[in-house]
Amino acid sequence: GTFLGSVSGGCVEGAVVTEALDVIASGQPKLLEFGVADEAAWQVGLSCGGTIRVFVEKVGA
């Protein structure tokens, strides 16, 4: 597929892409949430505060 745009200016991009690949394979949508209280947030670089929610869904062509 093609990667277009940005989710957060880079801090969670890799994690979202990884989850998106799972969604493409399974066909099951996911709601992802990253926040400073989450261990995953620190791993992906979201230390600036706040919460990011991303809905990932496979869209057929």
Protein backbone atom coordinates (compact mmCIF):
# COMPACT_ATOMS: atom_id res chain seq x y z
CA GLY A 1 0.00 0.00 0.00
CA THR A 2 0.82 3.65 0.02
CA PHE A 3 1.65 5.71 3.10
CA LEU A 4 0.23 9.24 2.89
CA GLY A 5 0.20 12.00 5.48
CA SER A 6 1.18 12.07 9.11
CA VAL A 7 -0.52 11.08 12.34
CA SER A 8 1.51 13.04 14.86
CA GLY A 9 4.51 14.59 13.26
CA GLY A 10 6.47 11.39 13.71
CA CYS A 11 6.22 10.31 17.33
CA VAL A 12 3.74 7.44 16.88
CA GLU A 13 4.05 6.81 13.14
CA GLY A 14 5.91 3.51 13.44
CA ALA A 15 3.48 2.05 15.96
CA VAL A 16 0.47 3.07 13.83
CA VAL A 17 2.01 1.54 10.70
CA THR A 18 2.69 -1.72 12.54
CA GLU A 19 -0.91 -1.88 13.78
CA ALA A 20 -2.21 -0.93 10.32
CA LEU A 21 -0.41 -3.90 8.80
CA ASP A 22 -2.21 -6.16 11.30
CA VAL A 23 -5.54 -4.55 10.37
CA ILE A 24 -4.86 -5.09 6.66
CA ALA A 25 -4.06 -8.76 7.30
CA SER A 26 -7.01 -9.45 9.62
CA GLY A 27 -9.64 -7.07 8.24
CA GLN A 28 -10.55 -6.18 11.83
CA PRO A 29 -10.48 -2.44 12.65
CA LYS A 30 -8.68 -1.17 15.76
CA LEU A 31 -8.86 1.93 17.91
CA LEU A 32 -5.35 2.81 19.07
CA GLU A 33 -4.66 5.12 21.98
CA PHE A 34 -1.34 6.64 23.00
CA GLY A 35 -0.90 8.82 26.07
CA VAL A 36 1.87 9.85 28.40
CA ALA A 37 0.69 7.41 31.07
CA ASP A 38 1.19 4.46 28.72
CA GLU A 39 4.52 2.66 28.57
CA ALA A 40 4.01 2.42 24.80
CA ALA A 41 3.80 6.22 24.58
CA TRP A 42 7.30 6.62 26.00
CA GLN A 43 8.60 3.91 23.67
CA VAL A 44 7.28 5.75 20.58
CA GLY A 45 8.34 9.19 21.81
CA LEU A 46 5.05 10.73 23.00
CA SER A 47 6.39 12.55 26.02
CA CYS A 48 4.85 15.95 25.20
CA GLY A 49 1.56 15.31 27.03
CA GLY A 50 -1.96 14.63 25.87
CA THR A 51 -3.55 11.64 24.19
CA ILE A 52 -3.67 10.54 20.58
CA ARG A 53 -6.46 8.23 19.38
CA VAL A 54 -6.23 6.69 15.93
CA PHE A 55 -8.94 4.56 14.29
CA VAL A 56 -7.42 2.13 11.79
CA GLU A 57 -9.71 0.44 9.27
CA LYS A 58 -9.05 -1.48 6.07
CA VAL A 59 -10.62 0.25 3.08
CA GLY A 60 -11.16 -1.86 -0.02
CA ALA A 61 -10.39 -0.61 -3.49
